[in-house]
């Protein structure tokens, strides 16, 4: 028997892995259930992604606010140092007169 005939014989034999017509509704139900479950998993995954993106955005806003606050504090410190230097410079020029 050639290989094509053997393959055909294997597909039509009683030990075949193909479903019999009586099992078709059961397989259809199982496929439908799996598809529904897959859809739920996809929806949950989308929900998680939305939540994660919202958390990341919130963290970035907090970091930006902290960054801006630090910059403001550094500017104030710089201004205070400049004022002290000006005041010290005025005192030095007054003393030398």
PDB file of N, CA and C in Angstrom:
ATOM      1  N   UNK A   1       0.859  -1.167   0.000  1.00  0.00           N
ATOM      2  CA  UNK A   1       0.000   0.000   0.000  1.00  0.00           C
ATOM      3  C   UNK A   1       0.909   1.236   0.000  1.00  0.00           C
ATOM      4  N   UNK A   2       0.606   2.183  -0.869  1.00  0.00           N
ATOM      5  CA  UNK A   2       1.449   3.383  -0.906  1.00  0.00           C
ATOM      6  C   UNK A   2       1.100   4.316   0.255  1.00  0.00           C
ATOM      7  N   UNK A   3       1.896   5.388   0.420  1.00  0.00           N
ATOM      8  CA  UNK A   3       1.724   6.255   1.588  1.00  0.00           C
ATOM      9  C   UNK A   3       0.396   7.007   1.567  1.00  0.00           C
ATOM     10  N   UNK A   4      -0.096   7.396   0.392  1.00  0.00           N
ATOM     11  CA  UNK A   4      -1.387   8.084   0.328  1.00  0.00           C
ATOM     12  C   UNK A   4      -2.520   7.155   0.741  1.00  0.00           C
ATOM     13  N   UNK A   5      -2.451   5.931   0.322  1.00  0.00           N
ATOM     14  CA  UNK A   5      -3.481   4.959   0.687  1.00  0.00           C
ATOM     15  C   UNK A   5      -3.436   4.682   2.179  1.00  0.00           C
ATOM     16  N   UNK A   6      -2.228   4.606   2.739  1.00  0.00           N
ATOM     17  CA  UNK A   6      -2.102   4.379   4.179  1.00  0.00           C
ATOM     18  C   UNK A   6      -2.674   5.564   4.960  1.00  0.00           C
ATOM     19  N   UNK A   7      -2.416   6.755   4.487  1.00  0.00           N
ATOM     20  CA  UNK A   7      -2.941   7.934   5.160  1.00  0.00           C
ATOM     21  C   UNK A   7      -4.464   7.941   5.114  1.00  0.00           C
ATOM     22  N   UNK A   8      -5.034   7.624   3.965  1.00  0.00           N
ATOM     23  CA  UNK A   8      -6.484   7.580   3.828  1.00  0.00           C
ATOM     24  C   UNK A   8      -7.064   6.505   4.733  1.00  0.00           C
ATOM     25  N   UNK A   9      -6.412   5.349   4.767  1.00  0.00           N
ATOM     26  CA  UNK A   9      -6.874   4.252   5.616  1.00  0.00           C
ATOM     27  C   UNK A   9      -6.843   4.676   7.079  1.00  0.00           C
ATOM     28  N   UNK A  10      -5.799   5.404   7.474  1.00  0.00           N
ATOM     29  CA  UNK A  10      -5.696   5.870   8.855  1.00  0.00           C
ATOM     30  C   UNK A  10      -6.789   6.856   9.211  1.00  0.00           C
ATOM     31  N   UNK A  11      -7.188   7.699   8.273  1.00  0.00           N
ATOM     32  CA  UNK A  11      -8.227   8.695   8.544  1.00  0.00           C
ATOM     33  C   UNK A  11      -9.607   8.068   8.635  1.00  0.00           C
ATOM     34  N   UNK A  12      -9.817   6.994   7.933  1.00  0.00           N
ATOM     35  CA  UNK A  12     -11.151   6.394   7.903  1.00  0.00           C
ATOM     36  C   UNK A  12     -11.293   5.220   8.848  1.00  0.00           C
ATOM     37  N   UNK A  13     -10.220   4.816   9.500  1.00  0.00           N
ATOM     38  CA  UNK A  13     -10.301   3.652  10.393  1.00  0.00           C
ATOM     39  C   UNK A  13     -11.055   4.015  11.665  1.00  0.00           C
ATOM     40  N   UNK A  14     -11.445   2.996  12.402  1.00  0.00           N
ATOM     41  CA  UNK A  14     -12.224   3.219  13.621  1.00  0.00           C
ATOM     42  C   UNK A  14     -11.387   3.894  14.698  1.00  0.00           C
ATOM     43  N   UNK A  15     -10.083   3.830  14.599  1.00  0.00           N
ATOM     44  CA  UNK A  15      -9.216   4.472  15.587  1.00  0.00           C
ATOM     45  C   UNK A  15      -8.897   5.912  15.237  1.00  0.00           C
ATOM     46  N   UNK A  16      -9.604   6.465  14.319  1.00  0.00           N
ATOM     47  CA  UNK A  16      -9.337   7.824  13.861  1.00  0.00           C
ATOM     48  C   UNK A  16      -9.550   8.834  14.982  1.00  0.00           C
ATOM     49  N   UNK A  17      -8.807   9.927  14.915  1.00  0.00           N
ATOM     50  CA  UNK A  17      -8.938  10.974  15.925  1.00  0.00           C
ATOM     51  C   UNK A  17     -10.021  11.978  15.558  1.00  0.00           C
ATOM     52  N   UNK A  18     -10.672  11.797  14.426  1.00  0.00           N
ATOM     53  CA  UNK A  18     -11.739  12.708  14.035  1.00  0.00           C
ATOM     54  C   UNK A  18     -12.996  12.408  14.844  1.00  0.00           C
ATOM     55  N   UNK A  19     -13.742  13.474  15.136  1.00  0.00           N
ATOM     56  CA  UNK A  19     -14.954  13.316  15.937  1.00  0.00           C
ATOM     57  C   UNK A  19     -16.054  12.692  15.106  1.00  0.00           C
ATOM     58  N   UNK A  20     -16.834  11.882  15.770  1.00  0.00           N
ATOM     59  CA  UNK A  20     -17.997  11.320  15.098  1.00  0.00           C
ATOM     60  C   UNK A  20     -19.088  12.381  15.076  1.00  0.00           C
ATOM     61  N   UNK A  21     -20.055  12.259  14.191  1.00  0.00           N
ATOM     62  CA  UNK A  21     -21.128  13.262  14.109  1.00  0.00           C
ATOM     63  C   UNK A  21     -21.863  13.460  15.425  1.00  0.00           C
ATOM     64  N   UNK A  22     -21.944  12.432  16.261  1.00  0.00           N
ATOM     65  CA  UNK A  22     -22.663  12.583  17.529  1.00  0.00           C
ATOM     66  C   UNK A  22     -21.887  13.459  18.511  1.00  0.00           C
ATOM     67  N   UNK A  23     -20.591  13.617  18.304  1.00  0.00           N
ATOM     68  CA  UNK A  23     -19.787  14.437  19.207  1.00  0.00           C
ATOM     69  C   UNK A  23     -19.714  15.895  18.757  1.00  0.00           C
ATOM     70  N   UNK A  24     -20.149  16.221  17.560  1.00  0.00           N
ATOM     71  CA  UNK A  24     -20.062  17.585  17.043  1.00  0.00           C
ATOM     72  C   UNK A  24     -20.717  18.621  17.960  1.00  0.00           C
ATOM     73  N   UNK A  25     -21.935  18.406  18.462  1.00  0.00           N
ATOM     74  CA  UNK A  25     -22.539  19.416  19.347  1.00  0.00           C
ATOM     75  C   UNK A  25     -21.720  19.631  20.621  1.00  0.00           C
ATOM     76  N   UNK A  26     -21.164  18.554  21.154  1.00  0.00           N
ATOM     77  CA  UNK A  26     -20.351  18.679  22.362  1.00  0.00           C
ATOM     78  C   UNK A  26     -19.114  19.529  22.083  1.00  0.00           C
ATOM     79  N   UNK A  27     -18.451  19.251  20.959  1.00  0.00           N
ATOM     80  CA  UNK A  27     -17.269  20.032  20.598  1.00  0.00           C
ATOM     81  C   UNK A  27     -17.639  21.486  20.331  1.00  0.00           C
ATOM     82  N   UNK A  28     -18.766  21.707  19.719  1.00  0.00           N
ATOM     83  CA  UNK A  28     -19.215  23.079  19.457  1.00  0.00           C
ATOM     84  C   UNK A  28     -19.446  23.825  20.763  1.00  0.00           C
ATOM     85  N   UNK A  29     -20.037  23.138  21.738  1.00  0.00           N
ATOM     86  CA  UNK A  29     -20.258  23.762  23.047  1.00  0.00           C
ATOM     87  C   UNK A  29     -18.929  24.073  23.728  1.00  0.00           C
ATOM     88  N   UNK A  30     -18.001  23.124  23.650  1.00  0.00           N
ATOM     89  CA  UNK A  30     -16.694  23.340  24.272  1.00  0.00           C
ATOM     90  C   UNK A  30     -15.963  24.507  23.605  1.00  0.00           C
ATOM     91  N   UNK A  31     -16.030  24.563  22.291  1.00  0.00           N
ATOM     92  CA  UNK A  31     -15.383  25.655  21.559  1.00  0.00           C
ATOM     93  C   UNK A  31     -16.016  26.986  21.937  1.00  0.00           C
ATOM     94  N   UNK A  32     -17.332  27.018  22.017  1.00  0.00           N
ATOM     95  CA  UNK A  32     -18.024  28.256  22.400  1.00  0.00           C
ATOM     96  C   UNK A  32     -17.629  28.685  23.806  1.00  0.00           C
ATOM     97  N   UNK A  33     -17.554  27.724  24.717  1.00  0.00           N
ATOM     98  CA  UNK A  33     -17.170  28.038  26.094  1.00  0.00           C
ATOM     99  C   UNK A  33     -15.739  28.571  26.146  1.00  0.00           C
ATOM    100  N   UNK A  34     -14.843  27.949  25.398  1.00  0.00           N
ATOM    101  CA  UNK A  34     -13.453  28.405  25.369  1.00  0.00           C
ATOM    102  C   UNK A  34     -13.332  29.789  24.740  1.00  0.00           C
ATOM    103  N   UNK A  35     -14.117  30.041  23.708  1.00  0.00           N
ATOM    104  CA  UNK A  35     -14.094  31.362  23.079  1.00  0.00           C
ATOM    105  C   UNK A  35     -14.603  32.433  24.045  1.00  0.00           C
ATOM    106  N   UNK A  36     -15.643  32.107  24.799  1.00  0.00           N
ATOM    107  CA  UNK A  36     -16.178  33.051  25.779  1.00  0.00           C
ATOM    108  C   UNK A  36     -15.146  33.318  26.875  1.00  0.00           C
ATOM    109  N   UNK A  37     -14.487  32.259  27.318  1.00  0.00           N
ATOM    110  CA  UNK A  37     -13.453  32.414  28.344  1.00  0.00           C
ATOM    111  C   UNK A  37     -12.292  33.257  27.814  1.00  0.00           C
ATOM    112  N   UNK A  38     -11.897  33.011  26.587  1.00  0.00           N
ATOM    113  CA  UNK A  38     -10.826  33.788  25.968  1.00  0.00           C
ATOM    114  C   UNK A  38     -11.210  35.262  25.880  1.00  0.00           C
ATOM    115  N   UNK A  39     -12.443  35.528  25.548  1.00  0.00           N
ATOM    116  CA  UNK A  39     -12.917  36.913  25.461  1.00  0.00           C
ATOM    117  C   UNK A  39     -12.866  37.586  26.832  1.00  0.00           C
ATOM    118  N   UNK A  40     -13.222  36.840  27.885  1.00  0.00           N
ATOM    119  CA  UNK A  40     -13.150  37.382  29.242  1.00  0.00           C
ATOM    120  C   UNK A  40     -11.704  37.691  29.624  1.00  0.00           C
ATOM    121  N   UNK A  41     -10.798  36.807  29.263  1.00  0.00           N
ATOM    122  CA  UNK A  41      -9.378  37.017  29.559  1.00  0.00           C
ATOM    123  C   UNK A  41      -8.873  38.259  28.823  1.00  0.00           C
ATOM    124  N   UNK A  42      -9.262  38.400  27.573  1.00  0.00           N
ATOM    125  CA  UNK A  42      -8.839  39.576  26.799  1.00  0.00           C
ATOM    126  C   UNK A  42      -9.386  40.863  27.413  1.00  0.00           C
ATOM    127  N   UNK A  43     -10.640  40.818  27.859  1.00  0.00           N
ATOM    128  CA  UNK A  43     -11.241  41.998  28.482  1.00  0.00           C
ATOM    129  C   UNK A  43     -10.509  42.339  29.778  1.00  0.00           C
ATOM    130  N   UNK A  44     -10.214  41.325  30.579  1.00  0.00           N
ATOM    131  CA  UNK A  44      -9.485  41.555  31.826  1.00  0.00           C
ATOM    132  C   UNK A  44      -8.101  42.138  31.532  1.00  0.00           C
ATOM    133  N   UNK A  45      -7.454  41.616  30.516  1.00  0.00           N
ATOM    134  CA  UNK A  45      -6.129  42.115  30.144  1.00  0.00           C
ATOM    135  C   UNK A  45      -6.211  43.587  29.731  1.00  0.00           C
ATOM    136  N   UNK A  46      -7.221  43.932  28.966  1.00  0.00           N
ATOM    137  CA  UNK A  46      -7.405  45.324  28.549  1.00  0.00           C
ATOM    138  C   UNK A  46      -7.654  46.213  29.761  1.00  0.00           C
ATOM    139  N   UNK A  47      -8.476  45.740  30.690  1.00  0.00           N
ATOM    140  CA  UNK A  47      -8.751  46.502  31.911  1.00  0.00           C
ATOM    141  C   UNK A  47      -7.470  46.724  32.713  1.00  0.00           C
ATOM    142  N   UNK A  48      -6.658  45.687  32.837  1.00  0.00           N
ATOM    143  CA  UNK A  48      -5.389  45.802  33.569  1.00  0.00           C
ATOM    144  C   UNK A  48      -4.467  46.811  32.897  1.00  0.00           C
ATOM    145  N   UNK A  49      -4.407  46.761  31.577  1.00  0.00           N
ATOM    146  CA  UNK A  49      -3.553  47.703  30.854  1.00  0.00           C
ATOM    147  C   UNK A  49      -4.003  49.143  31.088  1.00  0.00           C
ATOM    148  N   UNK A  50      -5.306  49.363  31.092  1.00  0.00           N
ATOM    149  CA  UNK A  50      -5.833  50.706  31.337  1.00  0.00           C
ATOM    150  C   UNK A  50      -5.460  51.159  32.749  1.00  0.00           C
ATOM    151  N   UNK A  51      -5.607  50.272  33.728  1.00  0.00           N
ATOM    152  CA  UNK A  51      -5.265  50.612  35.110  1.00  0.00           C
ATOM    153  C   UNK A  51      -3.777  50.915  35.253  1.00  0.00           C
ATOM    154  N   UNK A  52      -2.949  50.098  34.630  1.00  0.00           N
ATOM    155  CA  UNK A  52      -1.504  50.299  34.710  1.00  0.00           C
ATOM    156  C   UNK A  52      -1.116  51.623  34.061  1.00  0.00           C
ATOM    157  N   UNK A  53      -1.695  51.917  32.914  1.00  0.00           N
ATOM    158  CA  UNK A  53      -1.394  53.185  32.247  1.00  0.00           C
ATOM    159  C   UNK A  53      -1.813  54.374  33.107  1.00  0.00           C
ATOM    160  N   UNK A  54      -2.948  54.265  33.776  1.00  0.00           N
ATOM    161  CA  UNK A  54      -3.413  55.344  34.652  1.00  0.00           C
ATOM    162  C   UNK A  54      -2.455  55.521  35.829  1.00  0.00           C
ATOM    163  N   UNK A  55      -1.984  54.409  36.403  1.00  0.00           N
ATOM    164  CA  UNK A  55      -1.038  54.484  37.512  1.00  0.00           C
ATOM    165  C   UNK A  55       0.281  55.109  37.070  1.00  0.00           C
ATOM    166  N   UNK A  56       0.752  54.724  35.901  1.00  0.00           N
ATOM    167  CA  UNK A  56       2.003  55.281  35.381  1.00  0.00           C
ATOM    168  C   UNK A  56       1.854  56.781  35.159  1.00  0.00           C
ATOM    169  N   UNK A  57       0.741  57.183  34.588  1.00  0.00           N
ATOM    170  CA  UNK A  57       0.508  58.606  34.346  1.00  0.00           C
ATOM    171  C   UNK A  57       0.466  59.379  35.665  1.00  0.00           C
ATOM    172  N   UNK A  58      -0.192  58.807  36.669  1.00  0.00           N
ATOM    173  CA  UNK A  58      -0.267  59.456  37.971  1.00  0.00           C
ATOM    174  C   UNK A  58       1.128  59.587  38.586  1.00  0.00           C
ATOM    175  N   UNK A  59       1.922  58.529  38.494  1.00  0.00           N
ATOM    176  CA  UNK A  59       3.280  58.572  39.036  1.00  0.00           C
ATOM    177  C   UNK A  59       4.120  59.632  38.326  1.00  0.00           C
ATOM    178  N   UNK A  60       3.954  59.734  37.027  1.00  0.00           N
ATOM    179  CA  UNK A  60       4.703  60.740  36.276  1.00  0.00           C
ATOM    180  C   UNK A  60       4.299  62.153  36.700  1.00  0.00           C
ATOM    181  N   UNK A  61       3.013  62.363  36.955  1.00  0.00           N
ATOM    182  CA  UNK A  61       2.553  63.676  37.402  1.00  0.00           C
ATOM    183  C   UNK A  61       3.118  64.005  38.780  1.00  0.00           C
ATOM    184  N   UNK A  62       3.149  63.012  39.666  1.00  0.00           N
ATOM    185  CA  UNK A  62       3.706  63.218  41.003  1.00  0.00           C
ATOM    186  C   UNK A  62       5.189  63.548  40.900  1.00  0.00           C
ATOM    187  N   UNK A  63       5.911  62.807  40.074  1.00  0.00           N
ATOM    188  CA  UNK A  63       7.338  63.065  39.903  1.00  0.00           C
ATOM    189  C   UNK A  63       7.576  64.456  39.325  1.00  0.00           C
ATOM    190  N   UNK A  64       6.761  64.865  38.373  1.00  0.00           N
ATOM    191  CA  UNK A  64       6.904  66.200  37.783  1.00  0.00           C
ATOM    192  C   UNK A  64       6.655  67.270  38.839  1.00  0.00           C
ATOM    193  N   UNK A  65       5.640  67.068  39.671  1.00  0.00           N
ATOM    194  CA  UNK A  65       5.339  68.029  40.733  1.00  0.00           C
ATOM    195  C   UNK A  65       6.498  68.106  41.727  1.00  0.00           C
ATOM    196  N   UNK A  66       7.064  66.954  42.095  1.00  0.00           N
ATOM    197  CA  UNK A  66       8.211  66.940  43.004  1.00  0.00           C
ATOM    198  C   UNK A  66       9.410  67.640  42.373  1.00  0.00           C
ATOM    199  N   UNK A  67       9.627  67.386  41.107  1.00  0.00           N
ATOM    200  CA  UNK A  67      10.726  68.018  40.379  1.00  0.00           C
ATOM    201  C   UNK A  67      10.562  69.539  40.387  1.00  0.00           C
ATOM    202  N   UNK A  68       9.356  69.999  40.086  1.00  0.00           N
ATOM    203  CA  UNK A  68       9.085  71.440  40.076  1.00  0.00           C
ATOM    204  C   UNK A  68       9.271  72.053  41.459  1.00  0.00           C
ATOM    205  N   UNK A  69       8.856  71.327  42.489  1.00  0.00           N
ATOM    206  CA  UNK A  69       9.006  71.819  43.856  1.00  0.00           C
ATOM    207  C   UNK A  69      10.487  71.955  44.214  1.00  0.00           C
ATOM    208  N   UNK A  70      11.279  70.957  43.836  1.00  0.00           N
ATOM    209  CA  UNK A  70      12.715  71.033  44.102  1.00  0.00           C
ATOM    210  C   UNK A  70      13.358  72.204  43.359  1.00  0.00           C
ATOM    211  N   UNK A  71      12.957  72.413  42.124  1.00  0.00           N
ATOM    212  CA  UNK A  71      13.493  73.551  41.370  1.00  0.00           C
ATOM    213  C   UNK A  71      13.139  74.875  42.042  1.00  0.00           C
ATOM    214  N   UNK A  72      11.910  75.003  42.505  1.00  0.00           N
ATOM    215  CA  UNK A  72      11.495  76.225  43.198  1.00  0.00           C
ATOM    216  C   UNK A  72      12.319  76.444  44.462  1.00  0.00           C
ATOM    217  N   UNK A  73      12.531  75.387  45.230  1.00  0.00           N
ATOM    218  CA  UNK A  73      13.325  75.501  46.451  1.00  0.00           C
ATOM    219  C   UNK A  73      14.765  75.894  46.137  1.00  0.00           C
ATOM    220  N   UNK A  74      15.317  75.322  45.070  1.00  0.00           N
ATOM    221  CA  UNK A  74      16.685  75.664  44.686  1.00  0.00           C
ATOM    222  C   UNK A  74      16.777  77.130  44.241  1.00  0.00           C
ATOM    223  N   UNK A  75      15.778  77.617  43.520  1.00  0.00           N
ATOM    224  CA  UNK A  75      15.764  79.023  43.097  1.00  0.00           C
ATOM    225  C   UNK A  75      15.687  79.953  44.308  1.00  0.00           C
ATOM    226  N   UNK A  76      14.853  79.595  45.281  1.00  0.00           N
ATOM    227  CA  UNK A  76      14.742  80.403  46.496  1.00  0.00           C
ATOM    228  C   UNK A  76      16.070  80.443  47.236  1.00  0.00           C
ATOM    229  N   UNK A  77      16.715  79.288  47.330  1.00  0.00           N
ATOM    230  CA  UNK A  77      18.014  79.239  48.007  1.00  0.00           C
ATOM    231  C   UNK A  77      19.036  80.099  47.264  1.00  0.00           C
ATOM    232  N   UNK A  78      19.027  80.028  45.956  1.00  0.00           N
ATOM    233  CA  UNK A  78      19.947  80.829  45.143  1.00  0.00           C
ATOM    234  C   UNK A  78      19.684  82.315  45.360  1.00  0.00           C
ATOM    235  N   UNK A  79      18.399  82.702  45.365  1.00  0.00           N
ATOM    236  CA  UNK A  79      18.043  84.102  45.590  1.00  0.00           C
ATOM    237  C   UNK A  79      18.489  84.560  46.976  1.00  0.00           C
ATOM    238  N   UNK A  80      18.289  83.713  47.983  1.00  0.00           N
ATOM    239  CA  UNK A  80      18.707  84.060  49.339  1.00  0.00           C
ATOM    240  C   UNK A  80      20.220  84.241  49.415  1.00  0.00           C
ATOM    241  N   UNK A  81      20.959  83.354  48.750  1.00  0.00           N
ATOM    242  CA  UNK A  81      22.417  83.483  48.741  1.00  0.00           C
ATOM    243  C   UNK A  81      22.843  84.758  48.026  1.00  0.00           C
ATOM    244  N   UNK A  82      22.182  85.073  46.929  1.00  0.00           N
ATOM    245  CA  UNK A  82      22.502  86.299  46.193  1.00  0.00           C
ATOM    246  C   UNK A  82      22.236  87.525  47.053  1.00  0.00           C
ATOM    247  N   UNK A  83      21.129  87.530  47.786  1.00  0.00           N
ATOM    248  CA  UNK A  83      20.802  88.651  48.669  1.00  0.00           C
ATOM    249  C   UNK A  83      21.850  88.797  49.764  1.00  0.00           C
ATOM    250  N   UNK A  84      22.316  87.683  50.324  1.00  0.00           N
ATOM    251  CA  UNK A  84      23.334  87.729  51.372  1.00  0.00           C
ATOM    252  C   UNK A  84      24.643  88.271  50.812  1.00  0.00           C
ATOM    253  N   UNK A  85      24.980  87.841  49.592  1.00  0.00           N
ATOM    254  CA  UNK A  85      26.218  88.319  48.982  1.00  0.00           C
ATOM    255  C   UNK A  85      26.144  89.818  48.729  1.00  0.00           C
ATOM    256  N   UNK A  86      24.992  90.289  48.270  1.00  0.00           N
ATOM    257  CA  UNK A  86      24.817  91.723  48.032  1.00  0.00           C
ATOM    258  C   UNK A  86      24.914  92.472  49.353  1.00  0.00           C
ATOM    259  N   UNK A  87      24.244  91.941  50.381  1.00  0.00           N
ATOM    260  CA  UNK A  87      24.278  92.582  51.691  1.00  0.00           C
ATOM    261  C   UNK A  87      25.693  92.567  52.246  1.00  0.00           C
ATOM    262  N   UNK A  88      26.414  91.495  52.097  1.00  0.00           N
ATOM    263  CA  UNK A  88      27.784  91.385  52.581  1.00  0.00           C
ATOM    264  C   UNK A  88      28.684  92.322  51.784  1.00  0.00           C
ATOM    265  N   UNK A  89      28.454  92.424  50.513  1.00  0.00           N
ATOM    266  CA  UNK A  89      29.226  93.335  49.668  1.00  0.00           C
ATOM    267  C   UNK A  89      28.989  94.780  50.049  1.00  0.00           C
ATOM    268  N   UNK A  90      27.767  95.140  50.396  1.00  0.00           N
ATOM    269  CA  UNK A  90      27.451  96.502  50.831  1.00  0.00           C
ATOM    270  C   UNK A  90      28.152  96.809  52.140  1.00  0.00           C
ATOM    271  N   UNK A  91      28.155  95.851  53.053  1.00  0.00           N
ATOM    272  CA  UNK A  91      28.817  96.035  54.341  1.00  0.00           C
ATOM    273  C   UNK A  91      30.314  96.231  54.141  1.00  0.00           C
ATOM    274  N   UNK A  92      30.893  95.470  53.251  1.00  0.00           N
ATOM    275  CA  UNK A  92      32.331  95.557  53.004  1.00  0.00           C
ATOM    276  C   UNK A  92      32.680  96.910  52.403  1.00  0.00           C
ATOM    277  N   UNK A  93      31.882  97.416  51.499  1.00  0.00           N
ATOM    278  CA  UNK A  93      32.171  98.713  50.883  1.00  0.00           C
ATOM    279  C   UNK A  93      31.961  99.839  51.885  1.00  0.00           C
ATOM    280  N   UNK A  94      31.024  99.683  52.800  1.00  0.00           N
ATOM    281  CA  UNK A  94      30.781 100.683  53.830  1.00  0.00           C
ATOM    282  C   UNK A  94      31.934 100.695  54.820  1.00  0.00           C
ATOM    283  N   UNK A  95      32.450  99.535  55.163  1.00  0.00           N
ATOM    284  CA  UNK A  95      33.550  99.421  56.111  1.00  0.00           C
ATOM    285  C   UNK A  95      34.822 100.047  55.548  1.00  0.00           C
ATOM    286  N   UNK A  96      35.043  99.936  54.272  1.00  0.00           N
ATOM    287  CA  UNK A  96      36.277 100.430  53.675  1.00  0.00           C
ATOM    288  C   UNK A  96      36.275 101.943  53.553  1.00  0.00           C
ATOM    289  N   UNK A  97      35.142 102.582  53.688  1.00  0.00           N
ATOM    290  CA  UNK A  97      35.083 104.036  53.560  1.00  0.00           C
ATOM    291  C   UNK A  97      35.472 104.699  54.782  1.00  0.00           C
TER     292      UNK A  97
END
